[in-house]
Amino acid sequence: MRARDKAAVSALRGTLSALDNAEAVPLDETAPRAAALEDSPVGAGATEAARRELGERDVVDIVRAEAAERLEAAARLTAPAHAARSERLRAEGAVLLRFLDDAEADAL
């Protein structure tokens, strides 16, 4: 990352966002939406929601899906005007696949 590999940084930021979104819990539809200001929770962390715990398999599946999404998008960009964007998406997908390969090798 110190070499400022823009494709790697972009791929990792996007994947971290996808992992963060996957940890979100579904909104409770029965909970009241609007209340008086004086009924609002007060204090540090009073409005925080619990997050889901992702297992290793869940994380691998999300990273694999992010890589596949980038590679599919790159394959659809066939016009010469989109060559740079296509190459960047391929590079991002390769970064994510490299992380998956490293993780699977470490697991053995």
N, C-alpha and C. Protein backbone atom coordinates (compact mmCIF):
# COMPACT_ATOMS: atom_id res chain seq x y z
N MET A 1 0.82 -1.20 0.00
CA MET A 1 0.00 0.00 0.00
C MET A 1 0.86 1.26 0.00
N ARG A 2 2.09 1.14 0.48
CA ARG A 2 2.94 2.32 0.55
C ARG A 2 3.29 2.83 -0.84
N ALA A 3 3.27 1.95 -1.82
CA ALA A 3 3.57 2.36 -3.19
C ALA A 3 2.38 3.07 -3.83
N ARG A 4 1.31 3.24 -3.07
CA ARG A 4 0.11 3.93 -3.54
C ARG A 4 -0.51 3.24 -4.75
N ASP A 5 -0.69 1.97 -4.62
CA ASP A 5 -1.33 1.17 -5.66
C ASP A 5 -2.81 1.52 -5.65
N LYS A 6 -3.22 2.37 -6.56
CA LYS A 6 -4.59 2.88 -6.55
C LYS A 6 -5.62 1.78 -6.75
N ALA A 7 -5.31 0.80 -7.58
CA ALA A 7 -6.26 -0.29 -7.81
C ALA A 7 -6.45 -1.10 -6.53
N ALA A 8 -5.38 -1.37 -5.82
CA ALA A 8 -5.47 -2.14 -4.58
C ALA A 8 -6.25 -1.36 -3.52
N VAL A 9 -5.95 -0.09 -3.40
CA VAL A 9 -6.64 0.73 -2.40
C VAL A 9 -8.14 0.80 -2.70
N SER A 10 -8.48 1.00 -3.96
CA SER A 10 -9.89 1.07 -4.35
C SER A 10 -10.61 -0.25 -4.09
N ALA A 11 -9.96 -1.35 -4.47
CA ALA A 11 -10.58 -2.67 -4.28
C ALA A 11 -10.78 -2.97 -2.80
N LEU A 12 -9.78 -2.67 -1.99
CA LEU A 12 -9.89 -2.96 -0.56
C LEU A 12 -10.90 -2.06 0.14
N ARG A 13 -10.95 -0.81 -0.24
CA ARG A 13 -11.95 0.10 0.35
C ARG A 13 -13.37 -0.36 0.01
N GLY A 14 -13.58 -0.71 -1.24
CA GLY A 14 -14.91 -1.18 -1.65
C GLY A 14 -15.29 -2.47 -0.96
N THR A 15 -14.34 -3.37 -0.80
CA THR A 15 -14.63 -4.65 -0.15
C THR A 15 -14.87 -4.45 1.33
N LEU A 16 -14.12 -3.56 1.98
CA LEU A 16 -14.37 -3.28 3.39
C LEU A 16 -15.77 -2.69 3.59
N SER A 17 -16.20 -1.86 2.65
CA SER A 17 -17.56 -1.31 2.72
C SER A 17 -18.60 -2.42 2.57
N ALA A 18 -18.35 -3.34 1.66
CA ALA A 18 -19.28 -4.46 1.47
C ALA A 18 -19.35 -5.33 2.73
N LEU A 19 -18.21 -5.55 3.37
CA LEU A 19 -18.19 -6.32 4.61
C LEU A 19 -18.93 -5.57 5.72
N ASP A 20 -18.73 -4.27 5.79
CA ASP A 20 -19.42 -3.46 6.79
C ASP A 20 -20.92 -3.51 6.57
N ASN A 21 -21.36 -3.42 5.32
CA ASN A 21 -22.79 -3.49 5.02
C ASN A 21 -23.36 -4.86 5.37
N ALA A 22 -22.58 -5.91 5.17
CA ALA A 22 -23.05 -7.26 5.48
C ALA A 22 -23.23 -7.48 6.98
N GLU A 23 -22.52 -6.71 7.78
CA GLU A 23 -22.65 -6.82 9.23
C GLU A 23 -23.87 -6.10 9.78
N ALA A 24 -24.50 -5.28 8.98
CA ALA A 24 -25.66 -4.52 9.44
C ALA A 24 -26.83 -5.45 9.71
N VAL A 25 -27.56 -5.15 10.75
CA VAL A 25 -28.73 -5.95 11.08
C VAL A 25 -29.94 -5.36 10.38
N PRO A 26 -30.91 -6.21 10.02
CA PRO A 26 -32.12 -5.69 9.38
C PRO A 26 -32.87 -4.74 10.32
N LEU A 27 -33.49 -3.76 9.75
CA LEU A 27 -34.26 -2.79 10.51
C LEU A 27 -35.54 -3.43 11.01
N ASP A 28 -35.85 -3.21 12.27
CA ASP A 28 -37.07 -3.73 12.86
C ASP A 28 -38.24 -2.87 12.40
N GLU A 29 -39.11 -3.46 11.59
CA GLU A 29 -40.23 -2.70 11.02
C GLU A 29 -41.29 -2.34 12.05
N THR A 30 -41.32 -3.02 13.19
CA THR A 30 -42.34 -2.75 14.21
C THR A 30 -41.90 -1.66 15.18
N ALA A 31 -40.65 -1.27 15.14
CA ALA A 31 -40.16 -0.24 16.06
C ALA A 31 -40.74 1.11 15.67
N PRO A 32 -41.05 1.93 16.65
CA PRO A 32 -41.56 3.27 16.35
C PRO A 32 -40.49 4.10 15.65
N ARG A 33 -40.90 4.91 14.68
CA ARG A 33 -39.95 5.68 13.88
C ARG A 33 -39.72 7.07 14.44
N ALA A 34 -40.75 7.77 14.74
CA ALA A 34 -40.61 9.14 15.19
C ALA A 34 -41.14 9.27 16.61
N ALA A 35 -40.41 9.98 17.41
CA ALA A 35 -40.82 10.20 18.79
C ALA A 35 -40.43 11.61 19.18
N ALA A 36 -40.88 12.01 20.33
CA ALA A 36 -40.54 13.34 20.82
C ALA A 36 -39.04 13.40 21.13
N LEU A 37 -38.46 14.54 20.94
CA LEU A 37 -37.03 14.73 21.17
C LEU A 37 -36.65 14.36 22.60
N GLU A 38 -37.50 14.68 23.55
CA GLU A 38 -37.17 14.38 24.95
C GLU A 38 -37.18 12.88 25.25
N ASP A 39 -37.77 12.07 24.35
CA ASP A 39 -37.77 10.62 24.54
C ASP A 39 -36.57 9.94 23.87
N SER A 40 -35.70 10.72 23.24
CA SER A 40 -34.54 10.17 22.55
C SER A 40 -33.52 9.64 23.55
N PRO A 41 -32.82 8.56 23.19
CA PRO A 41 -31.78 8.04 24.07
C PRO A 41 -30.64 9.06 24.22
N VAL A 42 -30.02 9.04 25.38
CA VAL A 42 -28.96 9.98 25.68
C VAL A 42 -27.74 9.22 26.16
N GLY A 43 -26.58 9.69 25.80
CA GLY A 43 -25.34 9.10 26.29
C GLY A 43 -24.54 8.46 25.18
N ALA A 44 -23.27 8.23 25.48
CA ALA A 44 -22.37 7.65 24.50
C ALA A 44 -22.82 6.23 24.15
N GLY A 45 -23.02 5.98 22.87
CA GLY A 45 -23.39 4.65 22.41
C GLY A 45 -24.85 4.30 22.59
N ALA A 46 -25.68 5.24 23.02
CA ALA A 46 -27.09 4.94 23.28
C ALA A 46 -27.86 4.61 22.01
N THR A 47 -27.40 5.11 20.90
CA THR A 47 -28.12 4.87 19.65
C THR A 47 -27.43 3.83 18.77
N GLU A 48 -26.39 3.19 19.26
CA GLU A 48 -25.68 2.18 18.49
C GLU A 48 -26.53 0.91 18.37
N ALA A 49 -26.45 0.28 17.22
CA ALA A 49 -27.15 -0.98 16.99
C ALA A 49 -26.14 -2.12 17.00
N ALA A 50 -26.57 -3.27 17.44
CA ALA A 50 -25.70 -4.44 17.44
C ALA A 50 -25.37 -4.82 16.00
N ARG A 51 -24.19 -5.35 15.78
CA ARG A 51 -23.77 -5.77 14.44
C ARG A 51 -23.75 -7.28 14.38
N ARG A 52 -23.96 -7.83 13.18
CA ARG A 52 -23.86 -9.27 13.00
C ARG A 52 -22.40 -9.68 12.97
N GLU A 53 -22.13 -10.89 13.44
CA GLU A 53 -20.79 -11.44 13.36
C GLU A 53 -20.69 -12.26 12.08
N LEU A 54 -19.73 -11.94 11.23
CA LEU A 54 -19.53 -12.69 9.99
C LEU A 54 -18.49 -13.78 10.25
N GLY A 55 -18.79 -14.97 9.77
CA GLY A 55 -17.84 -16.06 9.86
C GLY A 55 -16.81 -15.95 8.74
N GLU A 56 -15.78 -16.76 8.84
CA GLU A 56 -14.72 -16.73 7.82
C GLU A 56 -15.27 -17.06 6.44
N ARG A 57 -16.18 -18.02 6.38
CA ARG A 57 -16.78 -18.40 5.10
C ARG A 57 -17.58 -17.23 4.50
N ASP A 58 -18.30 -16.49 5.37
CA ASP A 58 -19.06 -15.33 4.90
C ASP A 58 -18.13 -14.27 4.31
N VAL A 59 -17.02 -14.03 4.97
CA VAL A 59 -16.06 -13.03 4.51
C VAL A 59 -15.48 -13.45 3.16
N VAL A 60 -15.09 -14.72 3.05
CA VAL A 60 -14.53 -15.22 1.79
C VAL A 60 -15.55 -15.09 0.66
N ASP A 61 -16.80 -15.43 0.95
CA ASP A 61 -17.85 -15.33 -0.07
C ASP A 61 -18.05 -13.88 -0.53
N ILE A 62 -18.00 -12.94 0.40
CA ILE A 62 -18.19 -11.53 0.04
C ILE A 62 -17.01 -11.03 -0.79
N VAL A 63 -15.80 -11.39 -0.39
CA VAL A 63 -14.62 -10.96 -1.15
C VAL A 63 -14.65 -11.57 -2.55
N ARG A 64 -15.03 -12.85 -2.63
CA ARG A 64 -15.11 -13.51 -3.94
C ARG A 64 -16.17 -12.82 -4.81
N ALA A 65 -17.30 -12.46 -4.23
CA ALA A 65 -18.36 -11.78 -4.98
C ALA A 65 -17.90 -10.41 -5.46
N GLU A 66 -17.16 -9.70 -4.63
CA GLU A 66 -16.64 -8.38 -5.03
C GLU A 66 -15.66 -8.52 -6.20
N ALA A 67 -14.80 -9.54 -6.15
CA ALA A 67 -13.85 -9.77 -7.24
C ALA A 67 -14.60 -10.13 -8.52
N ALA A 68 -15.58 -11.01 -8.41
CA ALA A 68 -16.35 -11.43 -9.58
C ALA A 68 -17.10 -10.25 -10.19
N GLU A 69 -17.64 -9.39 -9.34
CA GLU A 69 -18.38 -8.22 -9.83
C GLU A 69 -17.46 -7.32 -10.66
N ARG A 70 -16.25 -7.10 -10.18
CA ARG A 70 -15.31 -6.26 -10.90
C ARG A 70 -14.89 -6.89 -12.23
N LEU A 71 -14.63 -8.19 -12.20
CA LEU A 71 -14.20 -8.86 -13.43
C LEU A 71 -15.32 -8.93 -14.47
N GLU A 72 -16.56 -9.10 -14.02
CA GLU A 72 -17.70 -9.10 -14.94
C GLU A 72 -17.91 -7.72 -15.55
N ALA A 73 -17.77 -6.69 -14.73
CA ALA A 73 -17.92 -5.32 -15.24
C ALA A 73 -16.82 -5.02 -16.25
N ALA A 74 -15.60 -5.47 -15.99
CA ALA A 74 -14.49 -5.26 -16.92
C ALA A 74 -14.76 -5.96 -18.25
N ALA A 75 -15.34 -7.15 -18.19
CA ALA A 75 -15.64 -7.90 -19.40
C ALA A 75 -16.71 -7.21 -20.25
N ARG A 76 -17.63 -6.50 -19.60
CA ARG A 76 -18.69 -5.79 -20.33
C ARG A 76 -18.18 -4.51 -20.99
N LEU A 77 -17.09 -3.96 -20.50
CA LEU A 77 -16.55 -2.72 -21.05
C LEU A 77 -15.63 -3.05 -22.21
N THR A 78 -16.21 -3.17 -23.39
CA THR A 78 -15.43 -3.58 -24.56
C THR A 78 -15.04 -2.43 -25.47
N ALA A 79 -15.67 -1.30 -25.34
CA ALA A 79 -15.37 -0.16 -26.20
C ALA A 79 -13.97 0.37 -25.90
N PRO A 80 -13.24 0.78 -26.93
CA PRO A 80 -11.89 1.33 -26.71
C PRO A 80 -11.87 2.52 -25.75
N ALA A 81 -12.94 3.27 -25.72
CA ALA A 81 -13.00 4.42 -24.82
C ALA A 81 -12.99 4.01 -23.35
N HIS A 82 -13.37 2.77 -23.07
CA HIS A 82 -13.43 2.29 -21.69
C HIS A 82 -12.26 1.39 -21.33
N ALA A 83 -11.23 1.38 -22.13
CA ALA A 83 -10.09 0.47 -21.91
C ALA A 83 -9.42 0.71 -20.56
N ALA A 84 -9.23 1.96 -20.19
CA ALA A 84 -8.55 2.26 -18.92
C ALA A 84 -9.39 1.80 -17.73
N ARG A 85 -10.68 2.07 -17.79
CA ARG A 85 -11.57 1.64 -16.70
C ARG A 85 -11.62 0.12 -16.63
N SER A 86 -11.68 -0.54 -17.76
CA SER A 86 -11.70 -2.00 -17.80
C SER A 86 -10.42 -2.58 -17.20
N GLU A 87 -9.29 -1.99 -17.54
CA GLU A 87 -8.01 -2.47 -17.01
C GLU A 87 -7.94 -2.27 -15.50
N ARG A 88 -8.45 -1.15 -15.02
CA ARG A 88 -8.45 -0.88 -13.58
C ARG A 88 -9.34 -1.89 -12.85
N LEU A 89 -10.50 -2.19 -13.41
CA LEU A 89 -11.39 -3.17 -12.78
C LEU A 89 -10.73 -4.56 -12.76
N ARG A 90 -10.04 -4.92 -13.83
CA ARG A 90 -9.32 -6.20 -13.85
C ARG A 90 -8.23 -6.23 -12.77
N ALA A 91 -7.53 -5.13 -12.61
CA ALA A 91 -6.48 -5.03 -11.59
C ALA A 91 -7.08 -5.16 -10.19
N GLU A 92 -8.23 -4.51 -9.96
CA GLU A 92 -8.89 -4.60 -8.66
C GLU A 92 -9.34 -6.03 -8.38
N GLY A 93 -9.90 -6.68 -9.39
CA GLY A 93 -10.32 -8.07 -9.23
C GLY A 93 -9.13 -8.97 -8.92
N ALA A 94 -8.01 -8.73 -9.59
CA ALA A 94 -6.80 -9.53 -9.35
C ALA A 94 -6.28 -9.35 -7.93
N VAL A 95 -6.36 -8.13 -7.42
CA VAL A 95 -5.93 -7.88 -6.03
C VAL A 95 -6.77 -8.70 -5.07
N LEU A 96 -8.08 -8.67 -5.26
CA LEU A 96 -8.96 -9.42 -4.35
C LEU A 96 -8.74 -10.92 -4.47
N LEU A 97 -8.56 -11.40 -5.68
CA LEU A 97 -8.30 -12.84 -5.87
C LEU A 97 -6.97 -13.24 -5.24
N ARG A 98 -5.99 -12.35 -5.30
CA ARG A 98 -4.70 -12.63 -4.67
C ARG A 98 -4.86 -12.76 -3.16
N PHE A 99 -5.68 -11.90 -2.56
CA PHE A 99 -5.94 -12.02 -1.13
C PHE A 99 -6.64 -13.33 -0.80
N LEU A 100 -7.57 -13.73 -1.65
CA LEU A 100 -8.26 -15.01 -1.43
C LEU A 100 -7.28 -16.17 -1.54
N ASP A 101 -6.41 -16.14 -2.53
CA ASP A 101 -5.43 -17.21 -2.70
C ASP A 101 -4.49 -17.28 -1.50
N ASP A 102 -4.05 -16.11 -1.00
CA ASP A 102 -3.17 -16.07 0.16
C ASP A 102 -3.88 -16.62 1.40
N ALA A 103 -5.16 -16.26 1.57
CA ALA A 103 -5.92 -16.73 2.73
C ALA A 103 -6.13 -18.23 2.68
N GLU A 104 -6.41 -18.75 1.49
CA GLU A 104 -6.63 -20.19 1.36
C GLU A 104 -5.33 -20.96 1.54
N ALA A 105 -4.21 -20.39 1.12
CA ALA A 105 -2.91 -21.05 1.32
C ALA A 105 -2.56 -21.06 2.80
N ASP A 106 -2.88 -19.99 3.52
CA ASP A 106 -2.60 -19.94 4.96
C ASP A 106 -3.46 -20.93 5.73
N ALA A 107 -4.67 -21.21 5.23
CA ALA A 107 -5.59 -22.12 5.91
C ALA A 107 -5.12 -23.57 5.80
N LEU A 108 -4.31 -23.89 4.78
CA LEU A 108 -3.82 -25.25 4.59
C LEU A 108 -2.73 -25.60 5.53
